[in-house]
Amino acid sequence: MATIFEAFTDGWGRVLRAPAILFGVFLVTLLLAAPAGSAIRDSISGSLGSSLDGGAMADGVDADWWARFSDAATGLDRTFTRSVIGFAAVLDNLSRFLDNEEADASLAGLTFAYLAIWLFLIGGILDRYARMRPTRSQAFFGACGTLFFRFLRLGLIAAAGYWLLFGVVHAWLFEGLYGRAIRDLTVERTAFAIRLALYGVFLALLGFWNAVMDYAKIRAVVEDRRSMLGAFLAGWRFVVGHPLKAGGLYLLNTLAFAAVVFVYFLTAPGAAGSGAAAWAAFAIGQAYVLARLAVKLAFYASGTSLFQRSLAHLAYTAAPEPIWPDSPAAEALANAAGRD
């Protein structure tokens, strides 16, 4: 148990000691979303103009105007629904995720771009967390470029697993098994409890697959693996071979994410109005995005720490400057030899 908490706290320490990564990922997220937000803003501005609806929306929410806007909306404008206000956005995303609802097609390009950028950056991020010391931009982006095509191949394995989970397992649980289980039920609470239990089963399977793919990336970086099939199998072996450690750490990170969501629930603004209230609502929303990204990075950093504590000689990884492009594992061996 001590190793789990040590890896958890060490992971957060690695995230906080590398603020450039956290704020860099946040900036990329903000810049990627800005063009879409600007396009929707122009549509809203054109619809409201200087009408009475504009004054009503500035004071809060005009349901009649919003209904007219939604009926005429096309493309990205269709995403501007009442569920984007405050904490409702979190609940709407959670509901769509659990029920496997298709995302709006207008977001496909934005989602693909975000995933591609993240896939490029994650190699450098993991390399930085594994080394536990600052790396210059040349080394960081060198690791990003070296690992991008490897992770692209690993992504095919990940995609196959997610397709199986969302395309086959989800349908079997919620369309087949759930339908048969509630066929003769007359008590709604019992049906809700069964569905809640099935959500738990699905999330457990999804968490297991996420952990396997995370440790596959970690082992590919730390051990400088070229074969992504080998990295995948190594990640699987680590999770299956250390179920209490890997599962306990995943649960701790999940609780950290739940804490961030709960704080946002307490502070999320409603219909903000205009002026200072609108800017305050924007600031709270961006603080939530930043905290959510910090938790995402902590998943990777703490997983890296746990793996190194378990198999990769953690104490040797931090010392003298390596000659690029030595992997973190090679650096650890060189540091160990230098100390001997």
C-alpha atoms as a PDB file:
ATOM      1  CA  MET A   1       0.000   0.000   0.000  1.00  0.00           C
ATOM      2  CA  ALA A   2       2.874   2.363   0.789  1.00  0.00           C
ATOM      3  CA  THR A   3       4.194   1.979  -2.766  1.00  0.00           C
ATOM      4  CA  ILE A   4       0.839   3.049  -4.190  1.00  0.00           C
ATOM      5  CA  PHE A   5       0.710   6.243  -2.141  1.00  0.00           C
ATOM      6  CA  GLU A   6       4.390   6.936  -2.830  1.00  0.00           C
ATOM      7  CA  ALA A   7       3.824   6.574  -6.568  1.00  0.00           C
ATOM      8  CA  PHE A   8       0.685   8.753  -6.367  1.00  0.00           C
ATOM      9  CA  THR A   9       2.394  11.591  -4.493  1.00  0.00           C
ATOM     10  CA  ASP A  10       5.572  11.252  -6.565  1.00  0.00           C
ATOM     11  CA  GLY A  11       3.493  11.421  -9.745  1.00  0.00           C
ATOM     12  CA  TRP A  12       1.861  14.656  -8.673  1.00  0.00           C
ATOM     13  CA  GLY A  13       5.301  15.946  -7.697  1.00  0.00           C
ATOM     14  CA  ARG A  14       6.588  15.221 -11.209  1.00  0.00           C
ATOM     15  CA  VAL A  15       3.615  17.064 -12.725  1.00  0.00           C
ATOM     16  CA  LEU A  16       4.065  20.111 -10.487  1.00  0.00           C
ATOM     17  CA  ARG A  17       7.840  20.192 -11.008  1.00  0.00           C
ATOM     18  CA  ALA A  18       7.257  20.421 -14.766  1.00  0.00           C
ATOM     19  CA  PRO A  19       4.717  23.279 -14.992  1.00  0.00           C
ATOM     20  CA  ALA A  20       5.743  24.034 -18.587  1.00  0.00           C
ATOM     21  CA  ILE A  21       4.225  20.726 -19.681  1.00  0.00           C
ATOM     22  CA  LEU A  22       0.955  21.342 -17.834  1.00  0.00           C
ATOM     23  CA  PHE A  23       0.521  24.896 -19.080  1.00  0.00           C
ATOM     24  CA  GLY A  24       1.744  23.941 -22.557  1.00  0.00           C
ATOM     25  CA  VAL A  25      -0.930  21.227 -22.858  1.00  0.00           C
ATOM     26  CA  PHE A  26      -3.506  23.676 -21.485  1.00  0.00           C
ATOM     27  CA  LEU A  27      -2.501  26.302 -24.043  1.00  0.00           C
ATOM     28  CA  VAL A  28      -2.702  23.778 -26.885  1.00  0.00           C
ATOM     29  CA  THR A  29      -6.195  22.786 -25.710  1.00  0.00           C
ATOM     30  CA  LEU A  30      -7.287  26.417 -25.520  1.00  0.00           C
ATOM     31  CA  LEU A  31      -5.861  27.343 -28.926  1.00  0.00           C
ATOM     32  CA  LEU A  32      -7.399  24.272 -30.541  1.00  0.00           C
ATOM     33  CA  ALA A  33     -10.843  25.124 -29.199  1.00  0.00           C
ATOM     34  CA  ALA A  34     -10.570  28.857 -29.961  1.00  0.00           C
ATOM     35  CA  PRO A  35     -11.463  28.752 -33.704  1.00  0.00           C
ATOM     36  CA  ALA A  36     -14.588  26.670 -33.045  1.00  0.00           C
ATOM     37  CA  GLY A  37     -15.592  28.965 -30.182  1.00  0.00           C
ATOM     38  CA  SER A  38     -15.026  32.012 -32.365  1.00  0.00           C
ATOM     39  CA  ALA A  39     -17.218  30.577 -35.146  1.00  0.00           C
ATOM     40  CA  ILE A  40     -20.063  29.867 -32.707  1.00  0.00           C
ATOM     41  CA  ARG A  41     -19.680  33.336 -31.188  1.00  0.00           C
ATOM     42  CA  ASP A  42     -20.049  34.931 -34.627  1.00  0.00           C
ATOM     43  CA  SER A  43     -23.206  32.903 -35.252  1.00  0.00           C
ATOM     44  CA  ILE A  44     -24.681  33.939 -31.904  1.00  0.00           C
ATOM     45  CA  SER A  45     -23.734  37.567 -32.473  1.00  0.00           C
ATOM     46  CA  GLY A  46     -25.323  37.527 -35.920  1.00  0.00           C
ATOM     47  CA  SER A  47     -28.519  35.998 -34.548  1.00  0.00           C
ATOM     48  CA  LEU A  48     -28.861  38.391 -31.618  1.00  0.00           C
ATOM     49  CA  GLY A  49     -27.585  41.585 -33.205  1.00  0.00           C
ATOM     50  CA  SER A  50     -29.059  44.593 -31.418  1.00  0.00           C
ATOM     51  CA  SER A  51     -32.428  42.952 -30.877  1.00  0.00           C
ATOM     52  CA  LEU A  52     -34.371  42.703 -27.640  1.00  0.00           C
ATOM     53  CA  ASP A  53     -33.227  39.077 -27.483  1.00  0.00           C
ATOM     54  CA  GLY A  54     -29.669  40.338 -27.045  1.00  0.00           C
ATOM     55  CA  GLY A  55     -30.611  42.277 -23.927  1.00  0.00           C
ATOM     56  CA  ALA A  56     -32.505  39.315 -22.516  1.00  0.00           C
ATOM     57  CA  MET A  57     -29.572  36.967 -23.100  1.00  0.00           C
ATOM     58  CA  ALA A  58     -27.180  39.457 -21.489  1.00  0.00           C
ATOM     59  CA  ASP A  59     -29.335  39.359 -18.363  1.00  0.00           C
ATOM     60  CA  GLY A  60     -29.522  35.572 -18.261  1.00  0.00           C
ATOM     61  CA  VAL A  61     -31.139  33.070 -20.632  1.00  0.00           C
ATOM     62  CA  ASP A  62     -33.889  33.711 -23.151  1.00  0.00           C
ATOM     63  CA  ALA A  63     -35.447  30.290 -23.706  1.00  0.00           C
ATOM     64  CA  ASP A  64     -37.477  31.415 -26.724  1.00  0.00           C
ATOM     65  CA  TRP A  65     -34.438  32.768 -28.583  1.00  0.00           C
ATOM     66  CA  TRP A  66     -32.391  29.687 -27.713  1.00  0.00           C
ATOM     67  CA  ALA A  67     -35.115  27.415 -29.101  1.00  0.00           C
ATOM     68  CA  ARG A  68     -35.207  29.401 -32.365  1.00  0.00           C
ATOM     69  CA  PHE A  69     -31.426  29.381 -32.615  1.00  0.00           C
ATOM     70  CA  SER A  70     -31.254  25.608 -32.020  1.00  0.00           C
ATOM     71  CA  ASP A  71     -33.909  24.922 -34.661  1.00  0.00           C
ATOM     72  CA  ALA A  72     -31.953  26.863 -37.297  1.00  0.00           C
ATOM     73  CA  ALA A  73     -28.472  25.707 -36.197  1.00  0.00           C
ATOM     74  CA  THR A  74     -26.151  23.777 -38.497  1.00  0.00           C
ATOM     75  CA  GLY A  75     -22.602  22.449 -38.100  1.00  0.00           C
ATOM     76  CA  LEU A  76     -20.840  23.500 -34.912  1.00  0.00           C
ATOM     77  CA  ASP A  77     -23.760  25.727 -33.944  1.00  0.00           C
ATOM     78  CA  ARG A  78     -25.714  22.576 -33.059  1.00  0.00           C
ATOM     79  CA  THR A  79     -23.393  22.061 -30.080  1.00  0.00           C
ATOM     80  CA  PHE A  80     -24.572  25.318 -28.473  1.00  0.00           C
ATOM     81  CA  THR A  81     -27.287  23.785 -26.324  1.00  0.00           C
ATOM     82  CA  ARG A  82     -28.459  24.469 -22.789  1.00  0.00           C
ATOM     83  CA  SER A  83     -26.263  21.618 -21.569  1.00  0.00           C
ATOM     84  CA  VAL A  84     -23.148  23.767 -22.158  1.00  0.00           C
ATOM     85  CA  ILE A  85     -23.998  25.944 -19.157  1.00  0.00           C
ATOM     86  CA  GLY A  86     -21.856  25.275 -16.080  1.00  0.00           C
ATOM     87  CA  PHE A  87     -21.892  21.815 -14.524  1.00  0.00           C
ATOM     88  CA  ALA A  88     -24.599  20.645 -16.944  1.00  0.00           C
ATOM     89  CA  ALA A  89     -21.849  20.167 -19.539  1.00  0.00           C
ATOM     90  CA  VAL A  90     -20.087  17.638 -17.282  1.00  0.00           C
ATOM     91  CA  LEU A  91     -23.315  15.696 -16.693  1.00  0.00           C
ATOM     92  CA  ASP A  92     -24.193  15.743 -20.391  1.00  0.00           C
ATOM     93  CA  ASN A  93     -20.743  14.418 -21.362  1.00  0.00           C
ATOM     94  CA  LEU A  94     -20.921  11.713 -18.679  1.00  0.00           C
ATOM     95  CA  SER A  95     -24.376  10.636 -19.829  1.00  0.00           C
ATOM     96  CA  ARG A  96     -23.303  10.471 -23.478  1.00  0.00           C
ATOM     97  CA  PHE A  97     -20.182   8.513 -22.521  1.00  0.00           C
ATOM     98  CA  LEU A  98     -21.946   5.932 -20.333  1.00  0.00           C
ATOM     99  CA  ASP A  99     -24.759   5.423 -22.841  1.00  0.00           C
ATOM    100  CA  ASN A 100     -22.349   5.315 -25.809  1.00  0.00           C
ATOM    101  CA  GLU A 101     -24.145   8.057 -27.719  1.00  0.00           C
ATOM    102  CA  GLU A 102     -22.545   9.260 -30.926  1.00  0.00           C
ATOM    103  CA  ALA A 103     -20.808  12.623 -30.787  1.00  0.00           C
ATOM    104  CA  ASP A 104     -21.924  15.401 -33.095  1.00  0.00           C
ATOM    105  CA  ALA A 105     -20.342  14.866 -36.513  1.00  0.00           C
ATOM    106  CA  SER A 106     -19.301  18.527 -36.619  1.00  0.00           C
ATOM    107  CA  LEU A 107     -16.831  17.815 -33.797  1.00  0.00           C
ATOM    108  CA  ALA A 108     -15.089  14.971 -35.633  1.00  0.00           C
ATOM    109  CA  GLY A 109     -12.359  17.162 -37.137  1.00  0.00           C
ATOM    110  CA  LEU A 110     -11.659  18.918 -33.837  1.00  0.00           C
ATOM    111  CA  THR A 111     -11.556  15.610 -31.963  1.00  0.00           C
ATOM    112  CA  PHE A 112      -9.205  14.058 -34.512  1.00  0.00           C
ATOM    113  CA  ALA A 113      -6.857  17.066 -34.356  1.00  0.00           C
ATOM    114  CA  TYR A 114      -6.790  16.966 -30.551  1.00  0.00           C
ATOM    115  CA  LEU A 115      -6.030  13.236 -30.476  1.00  0.00           C
ATOM    116  CA  ALA A 116      -3.263  13.625 -33.085  1.00  0.00           C
ATOM    117  CA  ILE A 117      -1.613  16.455 -31.138  1.00  0.00           C
ATOM    118  CA  TRP A 118      -1.907  14.534 -27.884  1.00  0.00           C
ATOM    119  CA  LEU A 119      -0.435  11.424 -29.515  1.00  0.00           C
ATOM    120  CA  PHE A 120       2.538  13.515 -30.654  1.00  0.00           C
ATOM    121  CA  LEU A 121       3.140  15.177 -27.283  1.00  0.00           C
ATOM    122  CA  ILE A 122       2.691  12.197 -24.992  1.00  0.00           C
ATOM    123  CA  GLY A 123       6.042  10.643 -25.935  1.00  0.00           C
ATOM    124  CA  GLY A 124       7.966  13.730 -24.828  1.00  0.00           C
ATOM    125  CA  ILE A 125       5.790  14.094 -21.727  1.00  0.00           C
ATOM    126  CA  LEU A 126       6.409  10.521 -20.586  1.00  0.00           C
ATOM    127  CA  ASP A 127      10.120  10.832 -21.348  1.00  0.00           C
ATOM    128  CA  ARG A 128      10.324  13.988 -19.196  1.00  0.00           C
ATOM    129  CA  TYR A 129       8.458  12.363 -16.308  1.00  0.00           C
ATOM    130  CA  ALA A 130      10.616   9.226 -16.513  1.00  0.00           C
ATOM    131  CA  ARG A 131      13.868  11.215 -16.329  1.00  0.00           C
ATOM    132  CA  MET A 132      12.665  13.342 -13.353  1.00  0.00           C
ATOM    133  CA  ARG A 133      14.701  16.342 -14.445  1.00  0.00           C
ATOM    134  CA  PRO A 134      14.321  19.177 -16.936  1.00  0.00           C
ATOM    135  CA  THR A 135      14.965  18.363 -20.591  1.00  0.00           C
ATOM    136  CA  ARG A 136      15.565  20.989 -23.232  1.00  0.00           C
ATOM    137  CA  SER A 137      13.075  21.600 -26.015  1.00  0.00           C
ATOM    138  CA  GLN A 138      15.293  19.768 -28.541  1.00  0.00           C
ATOM    139  CA  ALA A 139      15.286  16.619 -26.390  1.00  0.00           C
ATOM    140  CA  PHE A 140      11.582  16.932 -25.607  1.00  0.00           C
ATOM    141  CA  PHE A 141      10.445  17.286 -29.207  1.00  0.00           C
ATOM    142  CA  GLY A 142      13.023  14.722 -30.302  1.00  0.00           C
ATOM    143  CA  ALA A 143      11.298  12.208 -28.029  1.00  0.00           C
ATOM    144  CA  CYS A 144       7.914  13.344 -29.369  1.00  0.00           C
ATOM    145  CA  GLY A 145       8.999  12.723 -32.962  1.00  0.00           C
ATOM    146  CA  THR A 146      10.727   9.414 -32.224  1.00  0.00           C
ATOM    147  CA  LEU A 147       7.773   7.976 -30.344  1.00  0.00           C
ATOM    148  CA  PHE A 148       4.947   9.411 -32.456  1.00  0.00           C
ATOM    149  CA  PHE A 149       4.978   6.706 -35.116  1.00  0.00           C
ATOM    150  CA  ARG A 150       5.443   3.998 -32.498  1.00  0.00           C
ATOM    151  CA  PHE A 151       2.434   5.274 -30.578  1.00  0.00           C
ATOM    152  CA  LEU A 152       0.514   5.523 -33.835  1.00  0.00           C
ATOM    153  CA  ARG A 153       0.949   1.758 -34.210  1.00  0.00           C
ATOM    154  CA  LEU A 154       0.070   1.251 -30.558  1.00  0.00           C
ATOM    155  CA  GLY A 155      -3.020   3.368 -31.169  1.00  0.00           C
ATOM    156  CA  LEU A 156      -4.319   0.754 -33.606  1.00  0.00           C
ATOM    157  CA  ILE A 157      -4.243  -1.825 -30.807  1.00  0.00           C
ATOM    158  CA  ALA A 158      -5.918   0.632 -28.433  1.00  0.00           C
ATOM    159  CA  ALA A 159      -8.603   1.458 -31.006  1.00  0.00           C
ATOM    160  CA  ALA A 160      -9.378  -2.248 -31.498  1.00  0.00           C
ATOM    161  CA  GLY A 161      -9.907  -2.622 -27.747  1.00  0.00           C
ATOM    162  CA  TYR A 162     -12.118   0.468 -27.482  1.00  0.00           C
ATOM    163  CA  TRP A 163     -14.160  -0.702 -30.496  1.00  0.00           C
ATOM    164  CA  LEU A 164     -14.690  -4.053 -28.773  1.00  0.00           C
ATOM    165  CA  LEU A 165     -15.710  -2.376 -25.508  1.00  0.00           C
ATOM    166  CA  PHE A 166     -18.040   0.268 -26.942  1.00  0.00           C
ATOM    167  CA  GLY A 167     -19.213  -1.604 -30.025  1.00  0.00           C
ATOM    168  CA  VAL A 168     -19.719  -5.117 -28.644  1.00  0.00           C
ATOM    169  CA  VAL A 169     -19.482  -5.275 -24.833  1.00  0.00           C
ATOM    170  CA  HIS A 170     -21.569  -2.128 -24.240  1.00  0.00           C
ATOM    171  CA  ALA A 171     -24.343  -3.386 -26.518  1.00  0.00           C
ATOM    172  CA  TRP A 172     -24.292  -6.826 -24.884  1.00  0.00           C
ATOM    173  CA  LEU A 173     -24.506  -5.339 -21.380  1.00  0.00           C
ATOM    174  CA  PHE A 174     -27.099  -2.615 -21.919  1.00  0.00           C
ATOM    175  CA  GLU A 175     -29.173  -3.882 -24.819  1.00  0.00           C
ATOM    176  CA  GLY A 176     -29.012  -7.626 -24.240  1.00  0.00           C
ATOM    177  CA  LEU A 177     -28.325  -8.415 -20.593  1.00  0.00           C
ATOM    178  CA  TYR A 178     -30.081  -5.361 -19.145  1.00  0.00           C
ATOM    179  CA  GLY A 179     -33.152  -5.882 -21.318  1.00  0.00           C
ATOM    180  CA  ARG A 180     -33.515  -9.480 -20.171  1.00  0.00           C
ATOM    181  CA  ALA A 181     -32.898  -8.557 -16.513  1.00  0.00           C
ATOM    182  CA  ILE A 182     -35.700  -5.954 -16.334  1.00  0.00           C
ATOM    183  CA  ARG A 183     -38.202  -7.719 -18.583  1.00  0.00           C
ATOM    184  CA  ASP A 184     -40.508  -8.732 -15.732  1.00  0.00           C
ATOM    185  CA  LEU A 185     -39.585  -6.038 -13.205  1.00  0.00           C
ATOM    186  CA  THR A 186     -42.196  -3.669 -11.821  1.00  0.00           C
ATOM    187  CA  VAL A 187     -39.989  -1.716  -9.392  1.00  0.00           C
ATOM    188  CA  GLU A 188     -38.098   1.155 -10.996  1.00  0.00           C
ATOM    189  CA  ARG A 189     -35.492   1.298  -8.211  1.00  0.00           C
ATOM    190  CA  THR A 190     -34.453  -2.274  -8.927  1.00  0.00           C
ATOM    191  CA  ALA A 191     -34.049  -1.540 -12.634  1.00  0.00           C
ATOM    192  CA  PHE A 192     -31.946   1.522 -11.788  1.00  0.00           C
ATOM    193  CA  ALA A 193     -29.765  -0.538  -9.422  1.00  0.00           C
ATOM    194  CA  ILE A 194     -29.187  -3.155 -12.124  1.00  0.00           C
ATOM    195  CA  ARG A 195     -28.240  -0.487 -14.662  1.00  0.00           C
ATOM    196  CA  LEU A 196     -25.917   1.141 -12.117  1.00  0.00           C
ATOM    197  CA  ALA A 197     -24.227  -2.221 -11.507  1.00  0.00           C
ATOM    198  CA  LEU A 198     -23.763  -2.711 -15.252  1.00  0.00           C
ATOM    199  CA  TYR A 199     -22.228   0.760 -15.485  1.00  0.00           C
ATOM    200  CA  GLY A 200     -19.790  -0.378 -12.792  1.00  0.00           C
ATOM    201  CA  VAL A 201     -18.882  -3.501 -14.753  1.00  0.00           C
ATOM    202  CA  PHE A 202     -18.368  -1.532 -17.958  1.00  0.00           C
ATOM    203  CA  LEU A 203     -16.260   1.139 -16.250  1.00  0.00           C
ATOM    204  CA  ALA A 204     -14.119  -1.556 -14.604  1.00  0.00           C
ATOM    205  CA  LEU A 205     -13.422  -3.165 -17.991  1.00  0.00           C
ATOM    206  CA  LEU A 206     -12.714   0.239 -19.506  1.00  0.00           C
ATOM    207  CA  GLY A 207     -10.399   1.149 -16.616  1.00  0.00           C
ATOM    208  CA  PHE A 208      -8.490  -2.104 -17.074  1.00  0.00           C
ATOM    209  CA  TRP A 209      -7.982  -1.417 -20.793  1.00  0.00           C
ATOM    210  CA  ASN A 210      -6.961   2.199 -20.109  1.00  0.00           C
ATOM    211  CA  ALA A 211      -4.403   1.002 -17.556  1.00  0.00           C
ATOM    212  CA  VAL A 212      -2.980  -1.592 -19.956  1.00  0.00           C
ATOM    213  CA  MET A 213      -2.549   1.003 -22.703  1.00  0.00           C
ATOM    214  CA  ASP A 214      -1.046   3.546 -20.273  1.00  0.00           C
ATOM    215  CA  TYR A 215       1.563   1.063 -19.057  1.00  0.00           C
ATOM    216  CA  ALA A 216       2.225  -0.020 -22.643  1.00  0.00           C
ATOM    217  CA  LYS A 217       3.179   3.599 -23.419  1.00  0.00           C
ATOM    218  CA  ILE A 218       5.214   3.855 -20.226  1.00  0.00           C
ATOM    219  CA  ARG A 219       7.160   0.677 -20.967  1.00  0.00           C
ATOM    220  CA  ALA A 220       7.705   1.756 -24.572  1.00  0.00           C
ATOM    221  CA  VAL A 221       9.309   4.987 -23.335  1.00  0.00           C
ATOM    222  CA  VAL A 222      11.240   3.798 -20.278  1.00  0.00           C
ATOM    223  CA  GLU A 223      12.548   0.625 -21.929  1.00  0.00           C
ATOM    224  CA  ASP A 224      12.932   2.199 -25.398  1.00  0.00           C
ATOM    225  CA  ARG A 225      10.835  -0.519 -27.029  1.00  0.00           C
ATOM    226  CA  ARG A 226      10.497  -0.540 -30.821  1.00  0.00           C
ATOM    227  CA  SER A 227       7.852  -3.250 -30.991  1.00  0.00           C
ATOM    228  CA  MET A 228       4.472  -1.865 -29.953  1.00  0.00           C
ATOM    229  CA  LEU A 229       3.009  -5.350 -29.816  1.00  0.00           C
ATOM    230  CA  GLY A 230       5.747  -6.156 -27.310  1.00  0.00           C
ATOM    231  CA  ALA A 231       4.983  -2.954 -25.393  1.00  0.00           C
ATOM    232  CA  PHE A 232       1.287  -3.842 -25.320  1.00  0.00           C
ATOM    233  CA  LEU A 233       1.994  -7.335 -23.996  1.00  0.00           C
ATOM    234  CA  ALA A 234       4.423  -5.890 -21.438  1.00  0.00           C
ATOM    235  CA  GLY A 235       1.780  -3.397 -20.281  1.00  0.00           C
ATOM    236  CA  TRP A 236      -0.766  -6.210 -20.009  1.00  0.00           C
ATOM    237  CA  ARG A 237       1.666  -8.329 -17.971  1.00  0.00           C
ATOM    238  CA  PHE A 238       2.405  -5.452 -15.619  1.00  0.00           C
ATOM    239  CA  VAL A 239      -1.267  -4.733 -14.897  1.00  0.00           C
ATOM    240  CA  VAL A 240      -2.181  -8.421 -14.529  1.00  0.00           C
ATOM    241  CA  GLY A 241       0.977  -9.167 -12.529  1.00  0.00           C
ATOM    242  CA  HIS A 242       0.497  -6.214 -10.156  1.00  0.00           C
ATOM    243  CA  PRO A 243      -3.311  -5.927  -9.876  1.00  0.00           C
ATOM    244  CA  LEU A 244      -3.360  -4.379  -6.402  1.00  0.00           C
ATOM    245  CA  LYS A 245      -0.680  -1.802  -7.211  1.00  0.00           C
ATOM    246  CA  ALA A 246      -1.909  -0.878 -10.683  1.00  0.00           C
ATOM    247  CA  GLY A 247      -5.585  -1.011  -9.683  1.00  0.00           C
ATOM    248  CA  GLY A 248      -5.053   0.875  -6.435  1.00  0.00           C
ATOM    249  CA  LEU A 249      -3.117   3.650  -8.142  1.00  0.00           C
ATOM    250  CA  TYR A 250      -5.738   3.906 -10.900  1.00  0.00           C
ATOM    251  CA  LEU A 251      -8.430   4.205  -8.221  1.00  0.00           C
ATOM    252  CA  LEU A 252      -6.506   6.941  -6.378  1.00  0.00           C
ATOM    253  CA  ASN A 253      -6.142   8.948  -9.576  1.00  0.00           C
ATOM    254  CA  THR A 254      -9.824   8.422 -10.350  1.00  0.00           C
ATOM    255  CA  LEU A 255     -10.720   9.751  -6.897  1.00  0.00           C
ATOM    256  CA  ALA A 256      -8.521  12.791  -7.578  1.00  0.00           C
ATOM    257  CA  PHE A 257     -10.473  13.384 -10.781  1.00  0.00           C
ATOM    258  CA  ALA A 258     -13.757  12.962  -8.885  1.00  0.00           C
ATOM    259  CA  ALA A 259     -12.546  15.570  -6.356  1.00  0.00           C
ATOM    260  CA  VAL A 260     -11.856  18.036  -9.190  1.00  0.00           C
ATOM    261  CA  VAL A 261     -15.329  17.414 -10.624  1.00  0.00           C
ATOM    262  CA  PHE A 262     -16.908  17.886  -7.174  1.00  0.00           C
ATOM    263  CA  VAL A 263     -15.150  21.216  -6.637  1.00  0.00           C
ATOM    264  CA  TYR A 264     -16.353  22.331 -10.059  1.00  0.00           C
ATOM    265  CA  PHE A 265     -19.872  21.231  -9.100  1.00  0.00           C
ATOM    266  CA  LEU A 266     -19.671  23.548  -6.075  1.00  0.00           C
ATOM    267  CA  THR A 267     -18.257  26.502  -8.010  1.00  0.00           C
ATOM    268  CA  ALA A 268     -19.597  26.114 -11.570  1.00  0.00           C
ATOM    269  CA  PRO A 269     -21.508  29.200 -12.704  1.00  0.00           C
ATOM    270  CA  GLY A 270     -24.965  29.169 -14.225  1.00  0.00           C
ATOM    271  CA  ALA A 271     -26.110  31.672 -16.821  1.00  0.00           C
ATOM    272  CA  ALA A 272     -23.406  34.240 -16.133  1.00  0.00           C
ATOM    273  CA  GLY A 273     -24.881  37.342 -17.715  1.00  0.00           C
ATOM    274  CA  SER A 274     -22.328  39.886 -18.937  1.00  0.00           C
ATOM    275  CA  GLY A 275     -19.361  41.934 -17.779  1.00  0.00           C
ATOM    276  CA  ALA A 276     -17.436  40.777 -14.724  1.00  0.00           C
ATOM    277  CA  ALA A 277     -19.789  37.837 -14.136  1.00  0.00           C
ATOM    278  CA  ALA A 278     -19.104  36.464 -17.612  1.00  0.00           C
ATOM    279  CA  TRP A 279     -15.343  36.782 -17.182  1.00  0.00           C
ATOM    280  CA  ALA A 280     -15.549  35.090 -13.773  1.00  0.00           C
ATOM    281  CA  ALA A 281     -17.520  32.215 -15.324  1.00  0.00           C
ATOM    282  CA  PHE A 282     -14.903  31.894 -18.067  1.00  0.00           C
ATOM    283  CA  ALA A 283     -12.062  31.868 -15.506  1.00  0.00           C
ATOM    284  CA  ILE A 284     -13.762  29.162 -13.420  1.00  0.00           C
ATOM    285  CA  GLY A 285     -14.322  27.049 -16.530  1.00  0.00           C
ATOM    286  CA  GLN A 286     -10.697  27.334 -17.610  1.00  0.00           C
ATOM    287  CA  ALA A 287      -9.477  26.527 -14.079  1.00  0.00           C
ATOM    288  CA  TYR A 288     -11.532  23.339 -14.269  1.00  0.00           C
ATOM    289  CA  VAL A 289      -9.973  22.436 -17.638  1.00  0.00           C
ATOM    290  CA  LEU A 290      -6.493  23.072 -16.210  1.00  0.00           C
ATOM    291  CA  ALA A 291      -7.185  20.904 -13.146  1.00  0.00           C
ATOM    292  CA  ARG A 292      -8.621  18.138 -15.316  1.00  0.00           C
ATOM    293  CA  LEU A 293      -5.490  18.162 -17.487  1.00  0.00           C
ATOM    294  CA  ALA A 294      -3.312  18.040 -14.356  1.00  0.00           C
ATOM    295  CA  VAL A 295      -5.139  14.888 -13.258  1.00  0.00           C
ATOM    296  CA  LYS A 296      -4.702  13.365 -16.722  1.00  0.00           C
ATOM    297  CA  LEU A 297      -0.961  14.036 -16.596  1.00  0.00           C
ATOM    298  CA  ALA A 298      -0.828  12.674 -13.037  1.00  0.00           C
ATOM    299  CA  PHE A 299      -2.228   9.371 -14.321  1.00  0.00           C
ATOM    300  CA  TYR A 300       0.818   9.063 -16.585  1.00  0.00           C
ATOM    301  CA  ALA A 301       3.376  10.452 -14.125  1.00  0.00           C
ATOM    302  CA  SER A 302       2.254   8.281 -11.206  1.00  0.00           C
ATOM    303  CA  GLY A 303       2.063   5.218 -13.466  1.00  0.00           C
ATOM    304  CA  THR A 304       5.619   5.892 -14.580  1.00  0.00           C
ATOM    305  CA  SER A 305       6.702   6.211 -10.951  1.00  0.00           C
ATOM    306  CA  LEU A 306       4.967   2.966 -10.000  1.00  0.00           C
ATOM    307  CA  PHE A 307       6.585   1.075 -12.876  1.00  0.00           C
ATOM    308  CA  GLN A 308      10.033   2.445 -12.065  1.00  0.00           C
ATOM    309  CA  ARG A 309       9.618   1.622  -8.379  1.00  0.00           C
ATOM    310  CA  SER A 310       8.567  -1.911  -9.305  1.00  0.00           C
ATOM    311  CA  LEU A 311      11.013  -2.793 -12.083  1.00  0.00           C
ATOM    312  CA  ALA A 312      13.246   0.009 -13.282  1.00  0.00           C
ATOM    313  CA  HIS A 313      15.580   1.211 -10.486  1.00  0.00           C
ATOM    314  CA  LEU A 314      13.921   4.513  -9.624  1.00  0.00           C
ATOM    315  CA  ALA A 315      16.881   5.883  -7.650  1.00  0.00           C
ATOM    316  CA  TYR A 316      19.194   5.874 -10.663  1.00  0.00           C
ATOM    317  CA  THR A 317      17.028   7.720 -13.152  1.00  0.00           C
ATOM    318  CA  ALA A 318      17.482  11.300 -12.006  1.00  0.00           C
ATOM    319  CA  ALA A 319      21.221  11.979 -12.012  1.00  0.00           C
ATOM    320  CA  PRO A 320      23.690  13.292 -14.635  1.00  0.00           C
ATOM    321  CA  GLU A 321      22.880  14.594 -18.111  1.00  0.00           C
ATOM    322  CA  PRO A 322      22.570  11.803 -20.697  1.00  0.00           C
ATOM    323  CA  ILE A 323      23.756  11.897 -24.271  1.00  0.00           C
ATOM    324  CA  TRP A 324      20.591  12.076 -26.363  1.00  0.00           C
ATOM    325  CA  PRO A 325      18.875   9.909 -27.535  1.00  0.00           C
ATOM    326  CA  ASP A 326      19.564   7.495 -24.663  1.00  0.00           C
ATOM    327  CA  SER A 327      16.333   6.148 -23.210  1.00  0.00           C
ATOM    328  CA  PRO A 328      15.502   6.623 -19.515  1.00  0.00           C
ATOM    329  CA  ALA A 329      16.423   2.975 -18.944  1.00  0.00           C
ATOM    330  CA  ALA A 330      19.808   3.439 -20.629  1.00  0.00           C
ATOM    331  CA  GLU A 331      20.339   6.609 -18.613  1.00  0.00           C
ATOM    332  CA  ALA A 332      19.567   4.700 -15.404  1.00  0.00           C
ATOM    333  CA  LEU A 333      22.152   2.035 -16.241  1.00  0.00           C
ATOM    334  CA  ALA A 334      24.770   4.659 -17.136  1.00  0.00           C
ATOM    335  CA  ASN A 335      24.134   6.540 -13.936  1.00  0.00           C
ATOM    336  CA  ALA A 336      24.388   3.330 -11.924  1.00  0.00           C
ATOM    337  CA  ALA A 337      27.677   2.440 -13.617  1.00  0.00           C
ATOM    338  CA  GLY A 338      29.019   5.930 -12.957  1.00  0.00           C
ATOM    339  CA  ARG A 339      28.246   5.647  -9.269  1.00  0.00           C
ATOM    340  CA  ASP A 340      29.927   2.251  -9.064  1.00  0.00           C
END
